[in-house]
Amino acid sequence: MPRPRPRPPRAVLTALVLLACTAACAAPPAPPRPDDVVRAAQLRLTDACLTRQGLTPPRPGAAPPPEREALRVSDALFGAGRAELSLTLATGHEIRAHTDGCLAAAHRRLYGDERAWFRASAVVNNLKAEAAHRGTDLASVRRTHRAEVADWERMRVRALRRAETLLDRPSGR
């Protein structure tokens, strides 16, 4: 019959528990990334917009609504009809967006000038594709689009400030 292992003294166990708690509790959670803060505010704004229209905001993992309801939600969220904004990129691709949906309203609230945000974000989000299309380095393409990059950065700072303010309010109004 194997001999039972001796138990460590209570003081040793207490010290180990305190050490584990200290290690786990010592590191504060990392602050949320700016993109996550802006996305959270955008979600709050779009959810409130859809809810005001009597629609249920979509959620990952939720049962899909009937087709007709899904179309109503999509139109309310992204806009309907002909897109009011468009931009042809240096790669030749055309990007379009609506100005009448809940997402566009959230962009106006967070970024300010919706048309300027659309243009700057479309260009900045496609800098790598443009560099590949032109067969040049990303740094030279960034220099070419210095104004759009500066606009994008300025509007992102504004959106982050507005998002932080919005998320500090319980109702999101």
Protein backbone atom coordinates (compact mmCIF):
# COMPACT_ATOMS: atom_id res chain seq x y z
CA MET A 1 0.00 0.00 0.00
CA PRO A 2 1.48 3.39 -1.05
CA ARG A 3 2.16 5.84 1.66
CA PRO A 4 0.12 9.06 1.54
CA ARG A 5 2.08 12.11 0.53
CA PRO A 6 2.63 14.54 3.34
CA ARG A 7 0.62 17.72 3.01
CA PRO A 8 2.53 20.99 2.84
CA PRO A 9 2.12 23.22 5.88
CA ARG A 10 -0.89 25.55 5.78
CA ALA A 11 1.38 28.60 5.60
CA VAL A 12 2.93 27.28 2.37
CA LEU A 13 -0.52 26.71 0.84
CA THR A 14 -1.65 30.18 1.86
CA ALA A 15 1.47 31.74 0.37
CA LEU A 16 0.95 29.87 -2.92
CA VAL A 17 -2.67 30.99 -3.13
CA LEU A 18 -1.71 34.60 -2.40
CA LEU A 19 1.10 34.44 -4.95
CA ALA A 20 -1.24 33.06 -7.61
CA CYS A 21 -3.84 35.71 -6.86
CA THR A 22 -1.23 38.46 -6.89
CA ALA A 23 0.11 37.31 -10.24
CA ALA A 24 -3.38 37.08 -11.72
CA CYS A 25 -4.59 40.32 -10.20
CA ALA A 26 -1.41 42.35 -10.67
CA ALA A 27 -1.71 42.81 -14.40
CA PRO A 28 -4.64 45.10 -15.13
CA PRO A 29 -6.57 44.24 -18.24
CA ALA A 30 -5.18 45.83 -21.35
CA PRO A 31 -7.12 48.91 -22.41
CA PRO A 32 -9.35 48.33 -25.41
CA ARG A 33 -7.81 49.12 -28.77
CA PRO A 34 -9.10 52.31 -30.45
CA ASP A 35 -10.61 50.29 -33.33
CA ASP A 36 -12.57 48.19 -30.83
CA VAL A 37 -13.87 51.29 -29.05
CA VAL A 38 -15.06 52.83 -32.33
CA ARG A 39 -16.64 49.52 -33.43
CA ALA A 40 -18.47 49.20 -30.10
CA ALA A 41 -19.87 52.72 -30.43
CA GLN A 42 -20.84 52.09 -34.04
CA LEU A 43 -22.66 48.92 -32.98
CA ARG A 44 -24.49 50.79 -30.21
CA LEU A 45 -25.56 53.48 -32.67
CA THR A 46 -26.71 51.05 -35.38
CA ASP A 47 -28.55 48.86 -32.86
CA ALA A 48 -30.40 51.91 -31.48
CA CYS A 49 -31.26 53.04 -35.02
CA LEU A 50 -32.65 49.62 -35.98
CA THR A 51 -34.56 49.31 -32.70
CA ARG A 52 -36.18 52.74 -33.24
CA GLN A 53 -37.47 51.36 -36.54
CA GLY A 54 -38.96 48.32 -34.80
CA LEU A 55 -36.29 45.97 -36.17
CA THR A 56 -34.16 43.44 -34.33
CA PRO A 57 -30.41 44.06 -34.73
CA PRO A 58 -28.62 41.03 -36.20
CA ARG A 59 -26.38 38.99 -33.90
CA PRO A 60 -23.87 36.27 -34.73
CA GLY A 61 -25.23 32.86 -33.83
CA ALA A 62 -28.84 34.05 -33.66
CA ALA A 63 -31.44 32.29 -35.77
CA PRO A 64 -31.78 34.14 -39.08
CA PRO A 65 -35.02 36.08 -39.46
CA PRO A 66 -37.45 35.31 -42.28
CA GLU A 67 -36.20 36.51 -45.67
CA ARG A 68 -38.52 39.52 -45.83
CA GLU A 69 -37.48 40.70 -42.34
CA ALA A 70 -33.78 40.15 -43.19
CA LEU A 71 -34.19 42.37 -46.25
CA ARG A 72 -35.86 45.10 -44.15
CA VAL A 73 -33.00 44.93 -41.63
CA SER A 74 -30.38 45.03 -44.40
CA ASP A 75 -32.02 48.03 -46.10
CA ALA A 76 -32.34 49.87 -42.79
CA LEU A 77 -28.77 49.08 -41.79
CA PHE A 78 -26.91 49.62 -45.08
CA GLY A 79 -29.32 51.81 -47.05
CA ALA A 80 -31.55 51.04 -50.00
CA GLY A 81 -31.80 51.96 -53.64
CA ARG A 82 -29.00 53.49 -55.63
CA ALA A 83 -25.79 54.19 -53.68
CA GLU A 84 -25.17 57.91 -53.27
CA LEU A 85 -21.40 57.73 -52.75
CA SER A 86 -18.90 56.19 -55.16
CA LEU A 87 -15.18 56.26 -55.74
CA THR A 88 -13.07 54.62 -58.40
CA LEU A 89 -9.78 53.49 -56.88
CA ALA A 90 -6.40 53.55 -58.61
CA THR A 91 -6.79 49.80 -59.11
CA GLY A 92 -9.88 50.44 -61.23
CA HIS A 93 -12.31 49.04 -58.68
CA GLU A 94 -15.34 51.14 -57.87
CA ILE A 95 -16.57 51.37 -54.29
CA ARG A 96 -20.10 52.52 -53.49
CA ALA A 97 -21.94 53.33 -50.27
CA HIS A 98 -25.32 54.59 -49.16
CA THR A 99 -25.97 57.69 -47.08
CA ASP A 100 -29.44 56.68 -45.87
CA GLY A 101 -28.90 53.66 -43.61
CA CYS A 102 -28.19 53.27 -39.89
CA LEU A 103 -24.52 52.59 -40.63
CA ALA A 104 -24.22 55.86 -42.56
CA ALA A 105 -25.90 57.70 -39.67
CA ALA A 106 -23.41 56.13 -37.25
CA HIS A 107 -20.52 57.21 -39.49
CA ARG A 108 -21.85 60.79 -39.58
CA ARG A 109 -22.12 60.84 -35.80
CA LEU A 110 -18.66 59.39 -35.21
CA TYR A 111 -16.56 60.75 -38.09
CA GLY A 112 -18.38 63.95 -38.96
CA ASP A 113 -18.19 64.51 -42.71
CA GLU A 114 -19.54 61.29 -44.19
CA ARG A 115 -18.36 61.93 -47.75
CA ALA A 116 -14.83 62.81 -46.58
CA TRP A 117 -14.77 59.70 -44.35
CA PHE A 118 -15.96 57.51 -47.23
CA ARG A 119 -13.24 58.82 -49.54
CA ALA A 120 -10.40 58.76 -47.01
CA SER A 121 -11.24 55.32 -45.63
CA ALA A 122 -11.68 53.83 -49.11
CA VAL A 123 -8.26 55.11 -50.20
CA VAL A 124 -6.44 54.22 -46.96
CA ASN A 125 -8.00 50.75 -46.77
CA ASN A 126 -6.75 50.04 -50.29
CA LEU A 127 -3.19 51.38 -50.14
CA LYS A 128 -1.64 47.88 -50.22
CA ALA A 129 -3.78 46.87 -53.18
CA GLU A 130 -2.76 50.04 -55.00
CA ALA A 131 0.93 49.39 -54.29
CA ALA A 132 0.59 45.86 -55.67
CA HIS A 133 -1.34 47.14 -58.69
CA ARG A 134 1.30 49.78 -59.44
CA GLY A 135 4.19 47.44 -58.66
CA THR A 136 5.66 49.88 -56.16
CA ASP A 137 6.29 50.03 -52.44
CA LEU A 138 3.65 50.95 -49.88
CA ALA A 139 5.63 53.96 -48.61
CA SER A 140 5.54 55.68 -52.01
CA VAL A 141 1.80 55.05 -52.35
CA ARG A 142 1.27 56.48 -48.84
CA ARG A 143 3.22 59.59 -49.89
CA THR A 144 1.00 59.93 -52.98
CA HIS A 145 -2.08 59.84 -50.74
CA ARG A 146 -0.66 61.98 -47.92
CA ALA A 147 -3.80 64.16 -47.80
CA GLU A 148 -6.19 61.20 -47.57
CA VAL A 149 -4.04 59.55 -44.89
CA ALA A 150 -4.00 62.79 -42.87
CA ASP A 151 -7.79 63.15 -43.24
CA TRP A 152 -8.27 59.50 -42.21
CA GLU A 153 -6.08 59.96 -39.11
CA ARG A 154 -7.85 63.19 -38.11
CA MET A 155 -11.29 61.63 -38.50
CA ARG A 156 -10.23 58.50 -36.59
CA VAL A 157 -9.14 60.66 -33.64
CA ARG A 158 -12.50 62.44 -33.74
CA ALA A 159 -14.37 59.12 -33.95
CA LEU A 160 -12.45 57.73 -30.99
CA ARG A 161 -13.26 60.78 -28.85
CA ARG A 162 -16.93 60.62 -29.81
CA ALA A 163 -17.02 56.84 -29.26
CA GLU A 164 -15.51 57.14 -25.78
CA THR A 165 -18.08 59.80 -24.88
CA LEU A 166 -20.92 57.76 -26.32
CA LEU A 167 -19.89 54.57 -24.53
CA ASP A 168 -19.58 56.43 -21.20
CA ARG A 169 -23.31 57.20 -21.42
CA PRO A 170 -25.57 54.30 -20.42
CA SER A 171 -28.24 55.02 -23.03
CA GLY A 172 -25.87 55.75 -25.92
CA ARG A 173 -27.75 58.93 -26.86
